[in-house]
Structures are given as C-alpha cells and as structure tokens.
PDB file of N, CA and C in Angstrom:
ATOM      1  N   UNK A   1      -9.661  11.257  19.569  1.00  0.00           N
ATOM      2  CA  UNK A   1      -8.137   9.992  19.173  1.00  0.00           C
ATOM      3  C   UNK A   1      -8.620  10.752  18.661  1.00  0.00           C
ATOM      4  N   UNK A   2      -9.026  10.359  17.120  1.00  0.00           N
ATOM      5  CA  UNK A   2      -8.570  10.626  15.306  1.00  0.00           C
ATOM      6  C   UNK A   2      -8.638  12.213  15.933  1.00  0.00           C
ATOM      7  N   UNK A   3      -9.341  13.507  16.418  1.00  0.00           N
ATOM      8  CA  UNK A   3      -8.407  14.518  16.127  1.00  0.00           C
ATOM      9  C   UNK A   3      -7.234  14.679  16.329  1.00  0.00           C
ATOM     10  N   UNK A   4      -6.743  14.285  17.113  1.00  0.00           N
ATOM     11  CA  UNK A   4      -4.843  14.364  17.709  1.00  0.00           C
ATOM     12  C   UNK A   4      -4.504  14.121  16.577  1.00  0.00           C
ATOM     13  N   UNK A   5      -4.826  12.407  15.703  1.00  0.00           N
ATOM     14  CA  UNK A   5      -3.651  13.075  15.437  1.00  0.00           C
ATOM     15  C   UNK A   5      -4.083  12.705  13.686  1.00  0.00           C
ATOM     16  N   UNK A   6      -4.606  13.899  13.585  1.00  0.00           N
ATOM     17  CA  UNK A   6      -4.935  13.891  11.693  1.00  0.00           C
ATOM     18  C   UNK A   6      -3.664  14.656  12.039  1.00  0.00           C
ATOM     19  N   UNK A   7      -2.692  16.253  12.699  1.00  0.00           N
ATOM     20  CA  UNK A   7      -2.407  16.746  12.487  1.00  0.00           C
ATOM     21  C   UNK A   7      -0.726  15.984  11.758  1.00  0.00           C
ATOM     22  N   UNK A   8      -0.774  14.421  12.958  1.00  0.00           N
ATOM     23  CA  UNK A   8       0.872  13.524  11.751  1.00  0.00           C
ATOM     24  C   UNK A   8       0.433  13.105  11.426  1.00  0.00           C
ATOM     25  N   UNK A   9      -0.998  12.904  11.023  1.00  0.00           N
ATOM     26  CA  UNK A   9      -1.226  11.951   9.206  1.00  0.00           C
ATOM     27  C   UNK A   9      -1.338  13.057   7.970  1.00  0.00           C
ATOM     28  N   UNK A  10      -1.566  14.577   8.622  1.00  0.00           N
ATOM     29  CA  UNK A  10      -1.000  15.600   7.466  1.00  0.00           C
ATOM     30  C   UNK A  10       0.841  16.258   7.492  1.00  0.00           C
ATOM     31  N   UNK A  11       1.754  15.496   8.224  1.00  0.00           N
ATOM     32  CA  UNK A  11       2.695  16.128   8.440  1.00  0.00           C
ATOM     33  C   UNK A  11       3.179  14.919   7.224  1.00  0.00           C
ATOM     34  N   UNK A  12       2.835  13.600   7.543  1.00  0.00           N
ATOM     35  CA  UNK A  12       3.511  12.142   7.181  1.00  0.00           C
ATOM     36  C   UNK A  12       2.796  11.761   5.363  1.00  0.00           C
ATOM     37  N   UNK A  13       1.340  12.679   5.647  1.00  0.00           N
ATOM     38  CA  UNK A  13       1.476  12.357   4.182  1.00  0.00           C
ATOM     39  C   UNK A  13       2.231  14.146   3.012  1.00  0.00           C
ATOM     40  N   UNK A  14       2.002  15.065   4.138  1.00  0.00           N
ATOM     41  CA  UNK A  14       2.846  16.370   3.168  1.00  0.00           C
ATOM     42  C   UNK A  14       4.062  15.773   2.997  1.00  0.00           C
ATOM     43  N   UNK A  15       5.416  15.073   3.931  1.00  0.00           N
ATOM     44  CA  UNK A  15       6.575  14.366   3.729  1.00  0.00           C
ATOM     45  C   UNK A  15       6.003  13.203   2.413  1.00  0.00           C
ATOM     46  N   UNK A  16       5.303  12.466   1.939  1.00  0.00           N
ATOM     47  CA  UNK A  16       5.386  11.745   1.164  1.00  0.00           C
ATOM     48  C   UNK A  16       5.140  12.290  -0.370  1.00  0.00           C
ATOM     49  N   UNK A  17       4.739  13.284  -0.077  1.00  0.00           N
ATOM     50  CA  UNK A  17       3.517  14.165  -1.363  1.00  0.00           C
ATOM     51  C   UNK A  17       5.426  15.286  -2.165  1.00  0.00           C
ATOM     52  N   UNK A  18       6.254  15.017  -1.032  1.00  0.00           N
ATOM     53  CA  UNK A  18       7.387  15.479  -1.333  1.00  0.00           C
ATOM     54  C   UNK A  18       8.728  14.016  -1.850  1.00  0.00           C
ATOM     55  N   UNK A  19       8.692  13.145  -0.785  1.00  0.00           N
ATOM     56  CA  UNK A  19       9.031  12.064  -1.612  1.00  0.00           C
ATOM     57  C   UNK A  19       8.395  10.960  -2.919  1.00  0.00           C
ATOM     58  N   UNK A  20       6.953  11.073  -2.807  1.00  0.00           N
ATOM     59  CA  UNK A  20       6.122  10.806  -3.820  1.00  0.00           C
ATOM     60  C   UNK A  20       5.646  11.061  -4.530  1.00  0.00           C
ATOM     61  N   UNK A  21       5.000  10.817  -5.482  1.00  0.00           N
ATOM     62  CA  UNK A  21       4.450  11.651  -6.455  1.00  0.00           C
ATOM     63  C   UNK A  21       3.082  11.839  -5.891  1.00  0.00           C
ATOM     64  N   UNK A  22       2.829  12.656  -5.943  1.00  0.00           N
ATOM     65  CA  UNK A  22       0.820  13.574  -5.289  1.00  0.00           C
ATOM     66  C   UNK A  22       0.405  12.043  -5.435  1.00  0.00           C
ATOM     67  N   UNK A  23      -0.344  12.075  -6.898  1.00  0.00           N
ATOM     68  CA  UNK A  23      -1.214  10.753  -6.346  1.00  0.00           C
ATOM     69  C   UNK A  23      -0.731  10.001  -6.274  1.00  0.00           C
ATOM     70  N   UNK A  24      -0.198   9.177  -5.762  1.00  0.00           N
ATOM     71  CA  UNK A  24       0.774   7.830  -5.151  1.00  0.00           C
ATOM     72  C   UNK A  24       0.757   7.882  -3.904  1.00  0.00           C
ATOM     73  N   UNK A  25       0.546   9.211  -3.124  1.00  0.00           N
ATOM     74  CA  UNK A  25      -0.106   9.577  -1.985  1.00  0.00           C
ATOM     75  C   UNK A  25      -1.009   9.250  -1.353  1.00  0.00           C
ATOM     76  N   UNK A  26      -2.213   9.371  -2.304  1.00  0.00           N
ATOM     77  CA  UNK A  26      -3.700  10.059  -2.204  1.00  0.00           C
ATOM     78  C   UNK A  26      -4.493   8.799  -2.709  1.00  0.00           C
ATOM     79  N   UNK A  27      -3.388   7.715  -4.090  1.00  0.00           N
ATOM     80  CA  UNK A  27      -3.784   6.357  -3.224  1.00  0.00           C
ATOM     81  C   UNK A  27      -4.005   5.241  -1.883  1.00  0.00           C
ATOM     82  N   UNK A  28      -2.712   5.845  -1.763  1.00  0.00           N
ATOM     83  CA  UNK A  28      -2.245   5.162  -0.655  1.00  0.00           C
ATOM     84  C   UNK A  28      -3.765   5.838   0.760  1.00  0.00           C
ATOM     85  N   UNK A  29      -3.368   6.371   0.474  1.00  0.00           N
ATOM     86  CA  UNK A  29      -4.711   6.838   1.675  1.00  0.00           C
ATOM     87  C   UNK A  29      -6.108   6.918   1.216  1.00  0.00           C
ATOM     88  N   UNK A  30      -6.997   6.491  -0.193  1.00  0.00           N
ATOM     89  CA  UNK A  30      -7.988   5.393   0.035  1.00  0.00           C
ATOM     90  C   UNK A  30      -7.293   4.306  -0.242  1.00  0.00           C
ATOM     91  N   UNK A  31      -7.048   2.989   0.403  1.00  0.00           N
ATOM     92  CA  UNK A  31      -6.732   1.966   0.187  1.00  0.00           C
ATOM     93  C   UNK A  31      -6.424   2.087   1.520  1.00  0.00           C
ATOM     94  N   UNK A  32      -5.831   2.875   2.064  1.00  0.00           N
ATOM     95  CA  UNK A  32      -6.051   3.034   3.627  1.00  0.00           C
ATOM     96  C   UNK A  32      -7.513   3.435   4.479  1.00  0.00           C
ATOM     97  N   UNK A  33      -8.586   4.415   3.560  1.00  0.00           N
ATOM     98  CA  UNK A  33      -9.604   4.395   4.243  1.00  0.00           C
ATOM     99  C   UNK A  33     -10.608   3.112   4.271  1.00  0.00           C
ATOM    100  N   UNK A  34     -10.021   2.239   3.646  1.00  0.00           N
ATOM    101  CA  UNK A  34     -10.748   0.566   3.994  1.00  0.00           C
ATOM    102  C   UNK A  34     -10.485  -0.553   4.504  1.00  0.00           C
ATOM    103  N   UNK A  35      -9.300   0.244   5.237  1.00  0.00           N
ATOM    104  CA  UNK A  35      -8.797  -0.860   6.792  1.00  0.00           C
ATOM    105  C   UNK A  35      -9.598  -0.349   7.780  1.00  0.00           C
ATOM    106  N   UNK A  36     -10.622   0.337   8.072  1.00  0.00           N
ATOM    107  CA  UNK A  36     -11.180   0.208   9.419  1.00  0.00           C
ATOM    108  C   UNK A  36     -12.801   0.012   8.243  1.00  0.00           C
ATOM    109  N   UNK A  37     -13.913  -0.449   7.533  1.00  0.00           N
ATOM    110  CA  UNK A  37     -13.821  -0.998   6.827  1.00  0.00           C
ATOM    111  C   UNK A  37     -13.749  -2.455   6.967  1.00  0.00           C
ATOM    112  N   UNK A  38     -12.554  -3.562   6.113  1.00  0.00           N
ATOM    113  CA  UNK A  38     -12.051  -4.479   6.258  1.00  0.00           C
ATOM    114  C   UNK A  38     -12.355  -4.923   8.330  1.00  0.00           C
ATOM    115  N   UNK A  39     -12.214  -3.975   8.737  1.00  0.00           N
ATOM    116  CA  UNK A  39     -11.457  -4.002  10.625  1.00  0.00           C
ATOM    117  C   UNK A  39     -13.268  -4.327  11.516  1.00  0.00           C
ATOM    118  N   UNK A  40     -13.943  -3.674  10.206  1.00  0.00           N
ATOM    119  CA  UNK A  40     -14.986  -3.463  11.195  1.00  0.00           C
ATOM    120  C   UNK A  40     -15.827  -5.429  10.942  1.00  0.00           C
ATOM    121  N   UNK A  41     -16.293  -5.767   9.267  1.00  0.00           N
ATOM    122  CA  UNK A  41     -16.513  -6.404   9.112  1.00  0.00           C
ATOM    123  C   UNK A  41     -16.121  -7.688   9.012  1.00  0.00           C
ATOM    124  N   UNK A  42     -15.080  -7.753   9.339  1.00  0.00           N
ATOM    125  CA  UNK A  42     -13.867  -9.620   9.926  1.00  0.00           C
ATOM    126  C   UNK A  42     -13.883  -8.937  11.948  1.00  0.00           C
ATOM    127  N   UNK A  43     -14.923  -9.029  12.205  1.00  0.00           N
ATOM    128  CA  UNK A  43     -15.105  -8.044  13.835  1.00  0.00           C
ATOM    129  C   UNK A  43     -16.410  -9.271  13.744  1.00  0.00           C
ATOM    130  N   UNK A  44     -16.662  -9.445  15.080  1.00  0.00           N
ATOM    131  CA  UNK A  44     -17.301  -9.988  16.063  1.00  0.00           C
ATOM    132  C   UNK A  44     -18.822  -8.500  15.525  1.00  0.00           C
ATOM    133  N   UNK A  45     -18.894  -7.390  15.603  1.00  0.00           N
ATOM    134  CA  UNK A  45     -19.581  -6.149  16.035  1.00  0.00           C
ATOM    135  C   UNK A  45     -20.848  -6.556  14.692  1.00  0.00           C
ATOM    136  N   UNK A  46     -19.938  -7.389  13.989  1.00  0.00           N
ATOM    137  CA  UNK A  46     -21.341  -7.435  12.611  1.00  0.00           C
ATOM    138  C   UNK A  46     -22.516  -9.197  13.025  1.00  0.00           C
ATOM    139  N   UNK A  47     -21.742  -9.821  13.451  1.00  0.00           N
ATOM    140  CA  UNK A  47     -23.216 -10.239  14.025  1.00  0.00           C
ATOM    141  C   UNK A  47     -23.890 -10.039  15.168  1.00  0.00           C
ATOM    142  N   UNK A  48     -23.912  -8.911  15.988  1.00  0.00           N
ATOM    143  CA  UNK A  48     -24.006  -8.452  17.000  1.00  0.00           C
ATOM    144  C   UNK A  48     -25.964  -8.524  16.468  1.00  0.00           C
ATOM    145  N   UNK A  49     -26.698  -8.760  17.550  1.00  0.00           N
ATOM    146  CA  UNK A  49     -28.584  -8.712  16.634  1.00  0.00           C
ATOM    147  C   UNK A  49     -29.115  -7.899  18.034  1.00  0.00           C
ATOM    148  N   UNK A  50     -28.282  -7.108  19.086  1.00  0.00           N
ATOM    149  CA  UNK A  50     -28.666  -6.414  20.828  1.00  0.00           C
ATOM    150  C   UNK A  50     -27.364  -5.775  20.955  1.00  0.00           C
ATOM    151  N   UNK A  51     -27.932  -4.698  22.150  1.00  0.00           N
ATOM    152  CA  UNK A  51     -26.965  -3.816  21.907  1.00  0.00           C
ATOM    153  C   UNK A  51     -26.813  -4.479  24.137  1.00  0.00           C
ATOM    154  N   UNK A  52     -25.578  -4.418  23.683  1.00  0.00           N
ATOM    155  CA  UNK A  52     -25.440  -5.222  24.810  1.00  0.00           C
ATOM    156  C   UNK A  52     -25.792  -4.550  26.683  1.00  0.00           C
ATOM    157  N   UNK A  53     -25.932  -4.872  27.764  1.00  0.00           N
ATOM    158  CA  UNK A  53     -26.133  -4.344  28.591  1.00  0.00           C
ATOM    159  C   UNK A  53     -24.841  -3.901  29.359  1.00  0.00           C
ATOM    160  N   UNK A  54     -24.789  -2.542  30.095  1.00  0.00           N
ATOM    161  CA  UNK A  54     -24.620  -1.616  30.352  1.00  0.00           C
ATOM    162  C   UNK A  54     -23.315  -1.621  31.595  1.00  0.00           C
ATOM    163  N   UNK A  55     -22.635  -1.499  31.767  1.00  0.00           N
ATOM    164  CA  UNK A  55     -21.422  -2.594  33.053  1.00  0.00           C
ATOM    165  C   UNK A  55     -22.657  -1.873  34.388  1.00  0.00           C
ATOM    166  N   UNK A  56     -22.983  -2.365  35.715  1.00  0.00           N
ATOM    167  CA  UNK A  56     -23.462  -2.369  37.098  1.00  0.00           C
ATOM    168  C   UNK A  56     -22.210  -1.059  36.970  1.00  0.00           C
ATOM    169  N   UNK A  57     -23.223   0.162  37.211  1.00  0.00           N
ATOM    170  CA  UNK A  57     -22.781   1.193  38.091  1.00  0.00           C
ATOM    171  C   UNK A  57     -22.599   0.962  39.477  1.00  0.00           C
ATOM    172  N   UNK A  58     -23.192   0.748  40.406  1.00  0.00           N
ATOM    173  CA  UNK A  58     -23.293   0.042  41.480  1.00  0.00           C
ATOM    174  C   UNK A  58     -21.394  -0.105  42.256  1.00  0.00           C
ATOM    175  N   UNK A  59     -21.557  -0.210  41.251  1.00  0.00           N
ATOM    176  CA  UNK A  59     -20.151  -1.048  41.663  1.00  0.00           C
ATOM    177  C   UNK A  59     -18.631   0.004  41.683  1.00  0.00           C
ATOM    178  N   UNK A  60     -19.171   1.301  41.283  1.00  0.00           N
ATOM    179  CA  UNK A  60     -17.876   1.468  40.733  1.00  0.00           C
ATOM    180  C   UNK A  60     -18.283   3.282  42.119  1.00  0.00           C
ATOM    181  N   UNK A  61     -17.616   3.392  42.616  1.00  0.00           N
ATOM    182  CA  UNK A  61     -18.331   4.308  43.782  1.00  0.00           C
ATOM    183  C   UNK A  61     -18.153   5.954  43.220  1.00  0.00           C
ATOM    184  N   UNK A  62     -19.045   6.426  44.183  1.00  0.00           N
ATOM    185  CA  UNK A  62     -19.705   8.054  43.642  1.00  0.00           C
ATOM    186  C   UNK A  62     -18.197   8.916  44.187  1.00  0.00           C
ATOM    187  N   UNK A  63     -17.473  10.362  43.699  1.00  0.00           N
ATOM    188  CA  UNK A  63     -16.574  10.696  43.399  1.00  0.00           C
ATOM    189  C   UNK A  63     -16.969  11.818  44.434  1.00  0.00           C
ATOM    190  N   UNK A  64     -15.449  12.185  45.129  1.00  0.00           N
ATOM    191  CA  UNK A  64     -16.033  12.637  46.550  1.00  0.00           C
ATOM    192  C   UNK A  64     -15.408  14.109  45.784  1.00  0.00           C
ATOM    193  N   UNK A  65     -16.521  15.400  46.851  1.00  0.00           N
ATOM    194  CA  UNK A  65     -16.571  16.798  46.810  1.00  0.00           C
ATOM    195  C   UNK A  65     -15.295  17.347  46.565  1.00  0.00           C
ATOM    196  N   UNK A  66     -14.916  18.436  45.878  1.00  0.00           N
ATOM    197  CA  UNK A  66     -13.994  18.549  45.389  1.00  0.00           C
ATOM    198  C   UNK A  66     -12.645  18.489  44.583  1.00  0.00           C
ATOM    199  N   UNK A  67     -12.545  16.753  44.346  1.00  0.00           N
ATOM    200  CA  UNK A  67     -10.878  16.330  43.734  1.00  0.00           C
ATOM    201  C   UNK A  67     -11.862  16.459  42.261  1.00  0.00           C
ATOM    202  N   UNK A  68     -10.807  16.794  41.928  1.00  0.00           N
ATOM    203  CA  UNK A  68     -10.455  17.419  40.580  1.00  0.00           C
ATOM    204  C   UNK A  68     -10.769  16.329  38.933  1.00  0.00           C
TER     205      UNK A  68
END
C-alpha cells in the first residue's frame, strides 16, 4: 500500500518544489515523517502487553478448487 503511494508523493513533492523553495518542501516532508510516530504513541498499541489471538479460521470456508 505504501509503495503505490510513492509515485504520487514524488510528483507532489516535485510540484511543491517548483512552487516553493526546496528547503521548505524538505522541512514539510520531515515534519510529515513524525505523523506516524505521533499516531502510534496516541493509539492503544502502546499499551498492549501480549499478542492478540488470531481469529478462528474454522469460520472461513475453504476455497473451491479451480476458482481464481
């Protein structure tokens, strides 16, 4: 999912570098790199002490042979 967004991010950064100063675009990019860290620290993932159990696989029917 992140690899698919890279060309769009590169094109956006290039367009912003044309409109603004390159240093400004790099500073904005550096600040945007902190967003996932902030989201992780404010989520409930930080308080997990054990790995949750996977869902029961018996509830999912097996795939049919020959189907794509």
